[in-house]
């Protein structure tokens, strides 16, 4: 199976040149950044702790 996947494949010079070509980085200046970024608050912490307690109690019940 190794011989099938490790075969010699020839790449012509144009394809090799295209694969190795360096591209310049550009900035996306026309993209709007969402100003309503969500902040982790007390309610989110409470929900996370509630989910954690539920999963722990289920594990205890199954044992």
Protein backbone atom coordinates (compact mmCIF):
# COMPACT_ATOMS: atom_id res chain seq x y z
CA UNK A 1 0.00 0.00 0.00
CA UNK A 2 2.92 2.33 0.65
CA UNK A 3 4.03 1.99 -2.96
CA UNK A 4 0.65 3.16 -4.21
CA UNK A 5 0.59 6.34 -2.15
CA UNK A 6 4.30 7.13 -2.24
CA UNK A 7 4.63 7.07 -6.02
CA UNK A 8 6.82 9.46 -7.97
CA UNK A 9 4.71 12.20 -9.47
CA UNK A 10 6.38 14.67 -11.75
CA UNK A 11 5.45 18.32 -11.53
CA UNK A 12 6.18 20.47 -14.50
CA UNK A 13 8.16 23.69 -14.08
CA UNK A 14 5.17 26.02 -14.52
CA UNK A 15 3.13 24.26 -11.82
CA UNK A 16 6.11 24.23 -9.45
CA UNK A 17 6.69 27.93 -10.04
CA UNK A 18 3.00 28.67 -9.33
CA UNK A 19 3.05 26.61 -6.12
CA UNK A 20 6.17 28.33 -4.79
CA UNK A 21 5.16 31.87 -5.75
CA UNK A 22 5.06 34.30 -2.82
CA UNK A 23 1.87 36.28 -2.42
CA UNK A 24 1.73 39.66 -0.74
CA UNK A 25 -0.53 40.20 2.25
CA UNK A 26 -3.39 42.65 1.80
CA UNK A 27 -5.59 44.32 4.39
CA UNK A 28 -9.36 44.14 4.17
CA UNK A 29 -10.20 47.80 4.74
CA UNK A 30 -13.82 47.61 3.57
CA UNK A 31 -14.91 45.08 6.21
CA UNK A 32 -17.01 46.39 9.09
CA UNK A 33 -16.12 45.12 12.54
CA UNK A 34 -19.12 44.25 14.68
CA UNK A 35 -19.19 46.74 17.54
CA UNK A 36 -21.54 44.59 19.64
CA UNK A 37 -18.96 42.22 21.08
CA UNK A 38 -20.45 40.03 23.77
CA UNK A 39 -18.91 40.24 27.22
CA UNK A 40 -18.80 37.24 29.56
CA UNK A 41 -21.03 38.29 32.43
CA UNK A 42 -22.44 36.98 35.69
CA UNK A 43 -25.36 35.27 33.94
CA UNK A 44 -23.00 33.38 31.65
CA UNK A 45 -20.94 32.23 34.63
CA UNK A 46 -24.11 31.11 36.43
CA UNK A 47 -25.24 29.12 33.38
CA UNK A 48 -21.84 27.44 33.05
CA UNK A 49 -21.84 26.44 36.70
CA UNK A 50 -25.42 25.18 36.42
CA UNK A 51 -24.51 22.96 33.45
CA UNK A 52 -21.48 21.66 35.32
CA UNK A 53 -23.52 20.77 38.41
CA UNK A 54 -26.05 18.94 36.26
CA UNK A 55 -23.41 16.80 34.56
CA UNK A 56 -21.75 15.95 37.89
CA UNK A 57 -25.04 14.94 39.46
CA UNK A 58 -25.85 12.73 36.47
CA UNK A 59 -22.52 10.94 36.81
CA UNK A 60 -23.14 10.33 40.50
CA UNK A 61 -26.61 8.98 39.76
CA UNK A 62 -25.29 6.51 37.17
CA UNK A 63 -22.64 5.01 39.47
